[in-house]
Protein backbone atom coordinates (compact mmCIF):
# COMPACT_ATOMS: atom_id res chain seq x y z
CA MET A 1 85.04 252.97 238.72
CA SER A 2 85.73 253.07 234.99
CA VAL A 3 86.69 256.37 233.36
CA PHE A 4 83.74 255.80 231.01
CA ASP A 5 81.16 255.52 233.75
CA SER A 6 80.35 259.23 233.71
CA TYR A 7 78.54 258.63 230.44
CA PHE A 8 75.94 256.32 231.85
CA SER A 9 74.06 255.87 235.07
CA GLY A 10 70.71 254.36 235.95
CA ASP A 11 68.92 251.96 233.65
CA ALA A 12 66.67 248.93 233.82
CA ILE A 13 69.58 246.75 232.75
CA GLU A 14 71.56 247.90 235.79
CA LYS A 15 68.97 246.28 238.04
CA LEU A 16 69.54 242.85 236.50
CA SER A 17 72.11 240.47 237.92
CA ASP A 18 75.18 239.60 235.84
CA ARG A 19 73.98 236.00 235.81
CA LYS A 20 70.65 236.91 234.18
CA ILE A 21 72.37 239.16 231.64
CA LEU A 22 74.82 236.39 230.73
CA ILE A 23 71.98 233.90 230.32
CA PHE A 24 70.18 236.27 227.96
CA LEU A 25 73.32 237.02 225.95
CA SER A 26 74.20 233.33 225.74
CA ILE A 27 70.70 232.45 224.49
CA PHE A 28 70.89 235.24 221.90
CA ALA A 29 74.33 234.04 220.76
CA LEU A 30 73.05 230.46 220.57
CA ILE A 31 70.10 231.52 218.38
CA ILE A 32 72.40 233.47 216.06
CA LEU A 33 74.92 230.63 215.72
CA LEU A 34 72.32 227.92 215.29
CA SER A 35 70.49 229.83 212.55
CA PRO A 36 72.82 228.90 209.64
CA LEU A 37 72.75 225.25 210.73
CA MET A 38 68.97 225.18 211.01
CA MET A 39 68.63 226.70 207.52
CA ARG A 40 71.00 224.12 206.08
CA LEU A 41 69.18 221.35 207.93
CA ALA A 42 65.87 222.53 206.49
CA SER A 43 67.41 222.55 203.00
CA GLY A 44 68.73 219.02 203.46
CA VAL A 45 72.40 219.97 202.95
CA SER A 46 75.42 219.06 205.04
CA LEU A 47 75.80 220.89 208.37
CA MET A 48 79.54 220.82 207.79
CA PHE A 49 80.12 223.75 205.45
CA ASN A 50 82.91 225.93 204.10
CA GLU A 51 85.97 224.42 202.43
CA GLU A 52 88.20 225.04 205.44
CA SER A 53 86.06 222.67 207.54
CA TYR A 54 87.04 219.80 205.24
CA TYR A 55 90.73 220.72 205.27
CA ASN A 56 90.70 220.84 209.08
CA SER A 57 88.84 217.53 209.21
CA ARG A 58 91.58 215.81 207.17
CA ILE A 59 94.32 217.16 209.43
CA ALA A 60 92.50 216.02 212.58
CA GLU A 61 91.98 212.55 211.11
CA ARG A 62 95.67 212.27 210.27
CA LEU A 63 96.63 213.34 213.79
CA ILE A 64 94.34 210.69 215.26
CA LYS A 65 95.84 208.01 213.01
CA GLY A 66 99.40 209.21 213.69
CA GLU A 67 100.04 209.94 210.01
CA SER A 68 102.65 212.41 208.81
CA LEU A 69 101.77 216.07 208.32
CA ILE A 70 104.97 216.86 206.42
CA SER A 71 103.49 216.13 203.00
CA ASP A 72 99.90 216.27 201.77
CA ASN A 73 99.44 213.09 199.74
CA LEU A 74 96.21 214.35 198.13
CA SER A 75 97.68 217.64 196.95
CA GLY A 76 98.85 218.20 193.39
CA ILE A 77 102.21 219.50 194.59
CA ILE A 78 104.34 218.51 197.55
CA LYS A 79 103.60 220.79 200.50
CA PRO A 80 103.06 220.33 204.24
CA PHE A 81 99.77 220.62 206.05
CA TYR A 82 99.34 223.97 207.78
CA VAL A 83 98.67 223.06 211.39
CA THR A 84 97.55 225.19 214.35
CA PRO A 85 96.68 224.24 217.93
CA TYR A 86 93.06 224.03 216.81
CA HIS A 87 93.79 220.89 214.83
CA TYR A 88 95.18 219.18 217.92
CA LEU A 89 92.10 220.31 219.82
CA LEU A 90 89.81 218.91 217.11
CA ALA A 91 91.79 215.67 217.01
CA PHE A 92 91.59 215.29 220.82
CA PHE A 93 87.81 215.58 220.86
CA GLY A 94 87.75 213.45 217.71
CA LEU A 95 88.98 210.54 219.83
CA PHE A 96 85.59 210.52 221.54
CA PHE A 97 83.18 212.10 219.04
CA ASN A 98 82.56 212.26 215.31
CA ILE A 99 84.77 214.89 213.66
CA ALA A 100 82.04 215.98 211.24
CA SER A 101 79.72 216.73 214.16
CA LEU A 102 82.50 218.47 216.08
CA SER A 103 83.07 220.72 213.07
CA TYR A 104 79.85 222.59 213.79
CA ILE A 105 79.37 221.88 217.51
CA LEU A 106 82.77 223.04 218.78
CA PRO A 107 82.52 226.54 217.19
CA ILE A 108 79.17 227.13 218.93
CA ILE A 109 80.50 225.97 222.32
CA PHE A 110 83.55 228.19 222.00
CA GLY A 111 81.34 231.05 220.85
CA LEU A 112 79.32 230.83 224.07
CA LEU A 113 82.49 230.61 226.16
CA THR A 114 83.89 233.65 224.35
CA VAL A 115 80.74 235.64 225.12
CA ILE A 116 81.08 234.78 228.82
CA LEU A 117 84.80 235.60 228.92
CA LEU A 118 84.30 238.95 227.21
CA TYR A 119 81.60 239.91 229.69
CA LEU A 120 83.72 238.83 232.68
CA ILE A 121 86.74 240.79 231.43
CA MET A 122 84.65 243.96 231.23
CA THR A 123 83.24 243.21 234.69
CA HIS A 124 86.81 243.24 236.04
CA PHE A 125 87.15 246.84 234.84
CA ASP A 126 83.90 247.87 236.58
CA LEU A 127 82.05 248.83 233.42
CA HIS A 128 78.33 249.43 233.80
CA LYS A 129 76.10 246.49 233.01
CA THR A 130 74.48 248.41 230.19
CA ILE A 131 77.83 249.03 228.51
CA LYS A 132 78.88 245.42 228.99
CA SER A 133 75.57 244.12 227.70
CA PHE A 134 75.50 246.24 224.56
CA THR A 135 79.18 245.57 223.83
CA VAL A 136 78.56 241.83 223.81
CA LEU A 137 75.24 242.29 221.99
CA PHE A 138 76.87 244.31 219.21
CA PHE A 139 79.71 241.79 218.98
CA ILE A 140 77.26 238.88 218.66
CA SER A 141 75.29 240.83 216.02
CA SER A 142 78.31 241.32 213.78
CA PRO A 143 79.04 239.25 210.65
CA VAL A 144 82.55 238.73 212.09
CA PHE A 145 81.11 236.84 215.07
CA VAL A 146 78.87 234.64 212.91
CA HIS A 147 81.68 233.85 210.51
CA THR A 148 84.10 233.00 213.31
CA PHE A 149 81.85 230.78 215.40
CA SER A 150 79.61 229.01 212.87
CA TYR A 151 81.97 226.53 211.19
CA SER A 152 85.25 224.68 211.71
CA ASN A 153 88.11 227.19 211.55
CA HIS A 154 91.09 228.02 213.73
CA TYR A 155 89.94 231.56 214.47
CA PHE A 156 87.22 230.65 216.98
CA SER A 157 89.68 228.82 219.23
CA LEU A 158 92.23 231.62 218.74
CA VAL A 159 89.93 234.39 220.01
CA PHE A 160 88.92 232.16 222.93
CA PHE A 161 92.56 231.62 223.96
CA VAL A 162 93.30 235.34 223.58
CA LEU A 163 90.41 236.31 225.85
CA LEU A 164 91.26 233.51 228.29
CA ALA A 165 94.86 234.75 228.52
CA ILE A 166 93.63 238.30 229.15
CA PHE A 167 91.12 237.15 231.76
CA LEU A 168 93.77 235.20 233.69
CA PHE A 169 96.45 237.90 233.36
CA ILE A 170 94.31 240.65 234.90
CA GLN A 171 93.39 238.63 237.98
CA GLU A 172 94.95 239.67 241.29
CA LYS A 173 96.21 236.21 242.30
CA TYR A 174 99.64 235.37 240.90
CA ILE A 175 98.65 231.80 240.07
CA TYR A 176 96.28 233.07 237.36
CA SER A 177 98.98 235.26 235.81
CA ILE A 178 101.31 232.27 235.80
CA ILE A 179 98.73 230.14 233.98
CA SER A 180 98.28 232.86 231.34
CA ILE A 181 101.92 232.52 230.22
CA PRO A 182 101.70 229.01 228.65
CA ILE A 183 98.44 230.07 226.98
CA ILE A 184 100.46 232.75 225.18
CA GLY A 185 102.71 229.94 224.01
CA ILE A 186 99.63 228.28 222.49
CA ILE A 187 98.59 231.56 220.87
CA TYR A 188 102.04 231.87 219.27
CA PHE A 189 101.37 228.76 217.19
CA TYR A 190 98.38 230.49 215.62
CA GLY A 191 100.83 232.96 214.14
CA PHE A 192 103.36 235.50 215.34
CA PHE A 193 100.92 238.35 214.70
CA ASN A 194 98.58 237.00 217.39
CA ALA A 195 101.39 236.60 219.91
CA LEU A 196 102.48 240.16 219.17
CA PHE A 197 98.93 241.40 219.69
CA ILE A 198 98.60 239.72 223.10
CA LEU A 199 102.03 241.04 224.12
CA ILE A 200 100.92 244.58 223.30
CA LEU A 201 97.81 244.06 225.44
CA PHE A 202 99.87 242.70 228.33
CA LEU A 203 102.21 245.68 228.03
CA LEU A 204 99.26 248.07 228.25
CA PHE A 205 97.92 246.25 231.31
CA SER A 206 101.35 246.28 232.97
CA LEU A 207 101.50 250.07 232.54
CA TYR A 208 98.41 250.32 234.75
CA TYR A 209 99.27 247.46 237.10
CA LYS A 210 102.94 247.63 238.13
CA GLU A 211 102.82 244.20 239.75
CA LYS A 212 102.20 242.71 236.30
CA HIS A 213 105.60 243.75 234.93
CA ILE A 214 107.24 240.45 235.75
CA TRP A 215 104.53 238.47 234.00
CA PHE A 216 104.70 240.67 230.93
CA LEU A 217 108.46 240.13 230.76
CA SER A 218 107.92 236.38 231.19
CA ALA A 219 105.46 236.38 228.29
CA LEU A 220 107.85 238.45 226.17
CA PHE A 221 110.71 236.04 226.88
CA LEU A 222 108.56 233.01 226.00
CA VAL A 223 107.39 234.45 222.67
CA PHE A 224 110.87 235.37 221.51
CA LEU A 225 112.21 232.01 222.68
CA LEU A 226 109.56 230.30 220.55
CA TYR A 227 110.31 232.66 217.68
CA ALA A 228 113.99 231.68 217.83
CA VAL A 229 113.19 227.96 217.87
CA TYR A 230 110.14 227.54 215.63
CA SER A 231 109.51 228.84 212.15
CA LEU A 232 105.78 229.16 211.45
CA ASN A 233 103.92 228.67 208.18
CA ASN A 234 100.70 230.64 208.46
CA TYR A 235 97.78 230.29 206.11
CA TYR A 236 94.60 232.24 205.50
CA PHE A 237 91.81 230.86 203.38
CA PHE A 238 90.66 234.11 201.91
CA ASP A 239 91.58 237.75 201.94
CA ILE A 240 88.81 239.88 203.41
CA PHE A 241 89.96 242.95 201.54
CA GLU A 242 90.11 241.42 198.09
CA LYS A 243 88.39 244.33 196.34
CA SER A 244 89.34 247.50 198.15
CA TYR A 245 89.65 248.60 201.74
CA LEU A 246 86.23 250.26 201.70
CA THR A 247 84.38 247.29 200.22
CA GLY A 248 86.38 244.94 202.41
CA PHE A 249 85.67 246.74 205.66
CA ILE A 250 81.96 247.59 205.40
CA PHE A 251 79.49 244.73 205.03
CA GLU A 252 76.84 246.78 203.19
CA PHE A 253 79.46 247.82 200.61
CA GLY A 254 80.25 244.24 199.60
CA SER A 255 82.57 242.93 202.30
CA LYS A 256 82.56 239.17 202.79
CA VAL A 257 82.96 239.57 206.54
CA GLY A 258 82.94 243.20 207.60
CA PHE A 259 81.28 245.67 209.94
CA SER A 260 77.80 247.06 209.55
CA ILE A 261 77.93 250.71 208.60
CA PHE A 262 75.62 251.45 211.56
CA LEU A 263 78.07 249.85 213.97
CA ILE A 264 80.81 252.03 212.52
CA LEU A 265 78.65 255.15 212.98
CA LEU A 266 78.00 254.18 216.62
CA PHE A 267 81.72 253.55 217.06
CA ILE A 268 82.56 257.03 215.75
CA ILE A 269 80.04 258.60 218.13
CA GLY A 270 81.44 256.58 221.03
CA PHE A 271 84.98 257.51 220.04
CA PHE A 272 84.22 261.23 220.31
CA VAL A 273 82.05 260.83 223.41
CA THR A 274 84.98 259.28 225.29
CA TRP A 275 87.54 261.72 223.88
CA GLU A 276 87.58 263.93 226.98
CA ASN A 277 89.22 261.03 228.83
CA LYS A 278 91.80 260.48 226.10
CA LYS A 279 94.73 260.91 228.50
CA LYS A 280 93.55 257.93 230.52
CA ILE A 281 92.51 255.66 227.68
CA TYR A 282 94.93 256.71 224.94
CA PRO A 283 96.45 253.18 224.80
CA VAL A 284 93.07 251.89 223.61
CA TYR A 285 92.99 254.51 220.85
CA MET A 286 96.54 253.55 219.86
CA LEU A 287 95.57 249.88 219.80
CA ILE A 288 92.63 250.58 217.46
CA ILE A 289 94.82 252.63 215.11
CA ALA A 290 97.48 249.91 215.13
CA LEU A 291 94.97 247.17 214.36
CA PHE A 292 93.34 249.27 211.67
CA THR A 293 96.75 249.71 210.04
CA LEU A 294 97.76 246.07 210.46
CA SER A 295 94.52 244.94 208.86
CA PHE A 296 96.09 245.88 205.52
CA PHE A 297 98.56 243.05 206.04
CA ASN A 298 96.72 240.57 208.26
CA SER A 299 93.11 241.22 207.49
CA PHE A 300 90.84 238.80 209.31
CA GLU A 301 92.64 238.55 212.64
CA SER A 302 92.83 242.35 212.83
CA LEU A 303 89.15 242.53 211.91
CA LEU A 304 88.35 240.00 214.64
CA TYR A 305 90.09 241.99 217.37
CA LEU A 306 88.75 245.27 216.02
CA SER A 307 85.19 243.94 216.16
CA ILE A 308 85.42 243.68 219.96
CA LEU A 309 86.85 247.18 220.35
CA PHE A 310 84.37 248.61 217.85
CA SER A 311 81.53 247.00 219.78
CA LEU A 312 82.81 248.52 223.03
CA PHE A 313 82.90 252.07 221.68
CA ALA A 314 79.64 251.52 219.79
CA SER A 315 77.96 250.72 223.13
CA TYR A 316 79.05 254.13 224.43
CA GLY A 317 77.78 255.75 221.25
CA PHE A 318 74.43 254.03 221.65
CA SER A 319 74.25 254.97 225.36
CA TYR A 320 75.02 258.58 224.47
CA LEU A 321 72.18 258.70 221.95
CA TYR A 322 69.86 257.08 224.47
CA LYS A 323 70.72 259.56 227.25
CA LYS A 324 70.76 262.59 224.99
CA VAL A 325 67.68 264.86 225.29
CA TRP A 326 65.82 264.98 221.98
CA GLU A 327 63.20 267.59 221.13
CA LEU A 328 60.81 264.81 220.15
CA ASN A 329 61.16 261.64 222.20
CA ILE A 330 59.42 259.62 219.49
CA MET A 331 62.24 260.58 217.11
CA LYS A 332 64.80 259.20 219.53
CA VAL A 333 62.91 255.93 219.91
CA CYS A 334 62.56 255.56 216.15
CA ALA A 335 66.24 256.40 215.51
CA LEU A 336 67.52 253.91 218.10
CA ALA A 337 65.10 251.23 216.92
CA LEU A 338 66.24 251.83 213.34
CA ILE A 339 69.89 251.37 214.32
CA LEU A 340 69.19 248.13 216.20
CA CYS A 341 67.06 246.79 213.34
CA ALA A 342 69.75 247.68 210.80
CA LEU A 343 72.37 245.82 212.83
CA LEU A 344 70.07 242.83 213.10
CA ILE A 345 69.28 242.88 209.37
CA SER A 346 73.00 242.92 208.55
CA VAL A 347 73.68 239.81 210.61
CA LEU A 348 70.54 238.08 209.25
CA ILE A 349 71.70 238.72 205.68
CA PHE A 350 75.10 237.29 206.56
CA ILE A 351 73.44 234.25 208.15
CA LEU A 352 71.49 233.67 204.92
CA LEU A 353 74.70 233.92 202.91
CA SER A 354 76.49 231.55 205.29
CA SER A 355 73.71 228.99 205.10
CA SER A 356 74.15 228.77 201.32
CA LEU A 357 77.91 228.14 201.36
CA GLU A 358 79.38 225.05 199.72
CA PRO A 359 79.02 222.18 199.75
CA ASP A 360 75.44 221.83 198.62
CA ILE A 361 73.65 218.54 197.91
CA HIS A 362 74.96 218.37 194.36
CA SER A 363 78.64 219.00 195.10
CA LEU A 364 78.60 216.46 197.95
CA ARG A 365 76.92 213.92 195.69
CA ALA A 366 79.56 214.55 193.02
CA ALA A 367 82.38 214.17 195.56
CA LYS A 368 80.95 210.83 196.72
CA TRP A 369 80.66 209.68 193.09
CA ILE A 370 84.33 210.56 192.57
CA GLY A 371 85.24 208.47 195.61
CA GLU A 372 83.41 205.48 194.11
CA LYS A 373 84.24 205.79 190.41
CA VAL A 374 87.64 207.51 190.18
CA GLU A 375 90.81 205.50 190.82
CA PRO A 376 93.07 206.63 193.71
CA ASN A 377 95.99 207.27 191.33
CA GLU A 378 94.02 209.64 189.08
CA LEU A 379 94.49 213.41 189.38
CA ILE A 380 91.44 215.71 189.40
CA LEU A 381 91.31 219.29 188.14
CA SER A 382 88.60 221.36 189.85
CA TYR A 383 88.05 224.91 190.96
CA PRO A 384 90.46 225.41 193.91
CA SER A 385 87.76 226.01 196.54
CA HIS A 386 86.26 222.55 195.86
CA SER A 387 89.52 220.65 196.21
CA PHE A 388 89.42 220.28 199.99
CA ILE A 389 85.88 218.87 199.81
CA ILE A 390 86.94 216.33 197.17
CA GLN A 391 90.04 215.41 199.17
CA ASP A 392 88.11 214.85 202.40
CA VAL A 393 84.92 213.25 201.06
CA ALA A 394 86.27 211.30 198.05
CA LYS A 395 89.82 210.74 199.38
CA ARG A 396 91.13 211.57 195.91
CA LYS A 397 94.03 213.71 194.75
CA THR A 398 93.38 217.19 193.30
CA PHE A 399 95.62 219.24 191.06
CA ILE A 400 95.23 222.62 192.77
CA ASP A 401 93.63 224.01 195.92
CA ASN A 402 93.14 227.41 197.50
CA ILE A 403 96.49 227.34 199.26
CA ASP A 404 98.22 226.90 195.89
CA ILE A 405 96.34 229.60 194.04
CA SER A 406 96.15 232.22 196.79
CA PHE A 407 99.17 231.84 199.04
CA LEU A 408 102.03 230.04 197.25
CA GLU A 409 103.50 232.65 194.92
CA ASN A 410 105.80 230.23 193.08
CA SER A 411 103.34 227.35 192.78
CA PRO A 412 103.88 225.69 189.37
CA ASN A 413 100.34 224.34 189.47
CA LYS A 414 98.96 227.86 189.74
CA ASN A 415 100.51 228.82 186.41
CA ALA A 416 99.55 225.50 184.82
CA PHE A 417 95.95 225.95 186.02
CA HIS A 418 95.64 229.23 184.14
CA GLU A 419 97.34 227.80 181.07
CA ILE A 420 94.84 224.92 181.00
CA LEU A 421 91.86 227.26 181.39
CA GLY A 422 93.13 229.46 178.56
CA ALA A 423 94.22 226.74 176.11
CA GLN A 424 93.17 227.78 172.59
CA ASP A 425 93.26 224.46 170.76
CA ILE A 426 92.62 220.82 171.58
CA GLU A 427 96.22 219.70 171.02
CA SER A 428 97.63 222.31 173.41
CA LEU A 429 95.03 221.43 176.03
CA LYS A 430 95.63 217.70 175.72
CA SER A 431 99.37 218.24 175.95
CA LEU A 432 99.00 220.33 179.12
CA LEU A 433 96.71 217.76 180.76
CA ILE A 434 99.06 214.87 179.95
CA LYS A 435 102.09 216.87 181.10
CA ASN A 436 100.42 217.56 184.45
CA GLU A 437 99.02 213.99 184.68
CA ILE A 438 95.39 215.24 184.89
CA SER A 439 92.77 212.71 183.81
CA ILE A 440 89.56 213.99 185.50
CA ILE A 441 88.09 217.49 185.06
CA TYR A 442 85.41 218.77 187.47
CA ILE A 443 83.33 221.63 186.06
CA ASP A 444 80.91 223.76 188.07
CA ASN A 445 79.56 227.31 188.04
CA GLU A 446 82.46 228.69 190.07
CA LEU A 447 85.01 227.44 187.54
CA LYS A 448 82.92 228.89 184.71
CA GLU A 449 82.64 232.26 186.45
CA TYR A 450 86.35 232.30 187.22
CA SER A 451 87.19 231.58 183.59
CA ARG A 452 85.07 234.53 182.50
CA SER A 453 86.58 236.78 185.18
CA ILE A 454 90.11 236.22 183.82
CA GLY A 455 88.96 236.93 180.28
CA VAL A 456 88.89 233.39 178.89
CA GLU A 457 86.20 233.21 176.21
CA ARG A 458 87.41 230.15 174.30
CA GLY A 459 89.42 227.73 176.37
CA LEU A 460 88.96 224.60 178.46
CA LEU A 461 85.19 225.00 178.77
CA TYR A 462 84.76 225.28 175.01
CA LEU A 463 87.22 222.51 174.12
CA LEU A 464 85.55 220.00 176.44
CA ARG A 465 82.92 219.60 173.71
CA ASN A 466 85.41 217.53 171.73
CA ASN A 467 84.02 214.01 172.11
CA GLU A 468 87.13 212.43 170.65
CA THR A 469 89.28 213.73 173.49
CA PHE A 470 86.89 213.99 176.43
CA LYS A 471 84.05 211.88 177.71
CA LYS A 472 81.38 213.29 179.99
CA VAL A 473 81.07 210.71 182.77
CA TYR A 474 78.88 212.57 185.26
CA LYS A 475 76.26 215.34 185.29
CA ASP A 476 74.13 216.63 188.13
CA LYS A 477 72.51 220.03 187.73
CA ASP A 478 75.41 222.49 187.14
CA ILE A 479 78.19 219.98 187.84
CA GLU A 480 79.85 218.08 185.02
CA ILE A 481 82.77 215.67 185.23
CA TYR A 482 84.87 214.79 182.19
CA ARG A 483 87.49 212.11 181.66
CA LEU A 484 90.45 212.53 179.32
CA ILE A 485 90.23 209.67 176.82
C-alpha cells in the first residue's frame, strides 16, 4: 500500500472499476481538448493555430520530400531548422494523412494516451482510486494541459514519451525495462534537460527497487554517449516567465500558461498533509524543489512536469478537506464546490484565449494573398510571430521570425528590425530597407503594439504614409501591406 493511503479510505469512487474511471477521465479530457477547436470552427477560422504549428508543418513537409534541414531557405538569415523527434513523427503520419489535420488531431490523441499512462503509473504504486482520479482530473483542468495538447508542438509527444518510459521502467518484467532504454534515447533529442529529468526519476526508482540499478546505469550510459556524440540546438517559442516569476507562474496573475492559484493552495495543503511521511517520500519533495528551481532556466518543460506533481499533491489536499470534519457541513460543500468551479473557470478562460490565437481569417487571407501576389525572391518584413504563418501558407521569405528575435542573441536581423521600426526620417528608412533587401512590409496590430512598447512614437508606422516611397497594396481590417517603390 502507498504511504499516502492513510489519508483516504472509503468513497464512492473507490467502488468504480479502473476501466470506468479511465473512460470518464478520457471523455472529460476529450471535451476539454476539443473545446478550442469547436470554438474556432464556429468562428470560421483555421483549426490549425499558433505559429509553432506552421513551423512544425514546414519541417514535416521537408522531411517527407527529403529536403535539407541544414538551412531554412525562407528565413531572412542562414540558420538550420530546429528538429525534434516530434517532427519525424509528424512526417511519418504525414505520409498517410494531411499534415494540417494531423496538427490538431495528433495532440488530442496523445493527450488521451497521456491521461491513460498517468493513471496506470499511479495504479502501479497502489494509490487509491480517488487520489488517482483527482490527480488526473486536476492535471486535465490545468492551462498547462490544454496548452500542451491542443495544437502542434513538440511538448505533447515529449510528455508522452517521458510517461511511457516511466511506465515501462517500473514494470517487473525485464523486457519492459529494456524497452524503456531506447525511449530515453528519443527523449534526449528533445533536449538534454529532459534526458536529465528522466535520469533523475530512474535514479529515484532504482533507490526503491534494487533490481533496477542495472537499467538505470544503462540509461545513464546511453545519455552520456549521446551527449558525447550529438550537439543539440534547442528552441523554445516563448518564455513563460517573461514578466516576473509570480506573474509567470500563476494563471490568475497574468501567466500565459501557469497554474491556477486554487491548485497551488490545494498543493500546499497536500504538501503539509503528507509531511509526516517525509522520510519515505523525500525524493518527491526534492524533485519538486529541483524543478521549481530549474523553471527559472527552462520554464515550460519544468512547468509541464511540475503540473503533474502539483496535481498529485493537490488531490491529497482536496481529499483532506473532504475528509476533515467541519462544524457546518454546508460550508464544506460550498468551499469544495467553489474550489472545483474556480479550477474549471481557469481552464475555460484559457480555452477561450487559446481559441482566439492567430491566425484568424484576416491573417490567413493576407498570407494567401502574399503567396499569389508577391514574387518568391522578395523579402517580407512582418512582426516575428507572423513569419512562420507566411512562410508555410505563402511559401515566401520573411526577414525575421521569433527564433531570431527571442533566441539568437547575435542575430543581425534582430538589430536591423529595431533600427527599421525606429527610423526617424524617410531617407534613413529607405536606406535600411534597401540594405536589408526588404521590399514588402506587413503591418498588423501586433507590430503596432510592439512599436509602442519599445517607445517608438515616430518611426516606420508614421513614415509609411509617404506615398512617394511606399505603396499600399493590400488592406483587410487591421492588416496593411506596403511595397517599397
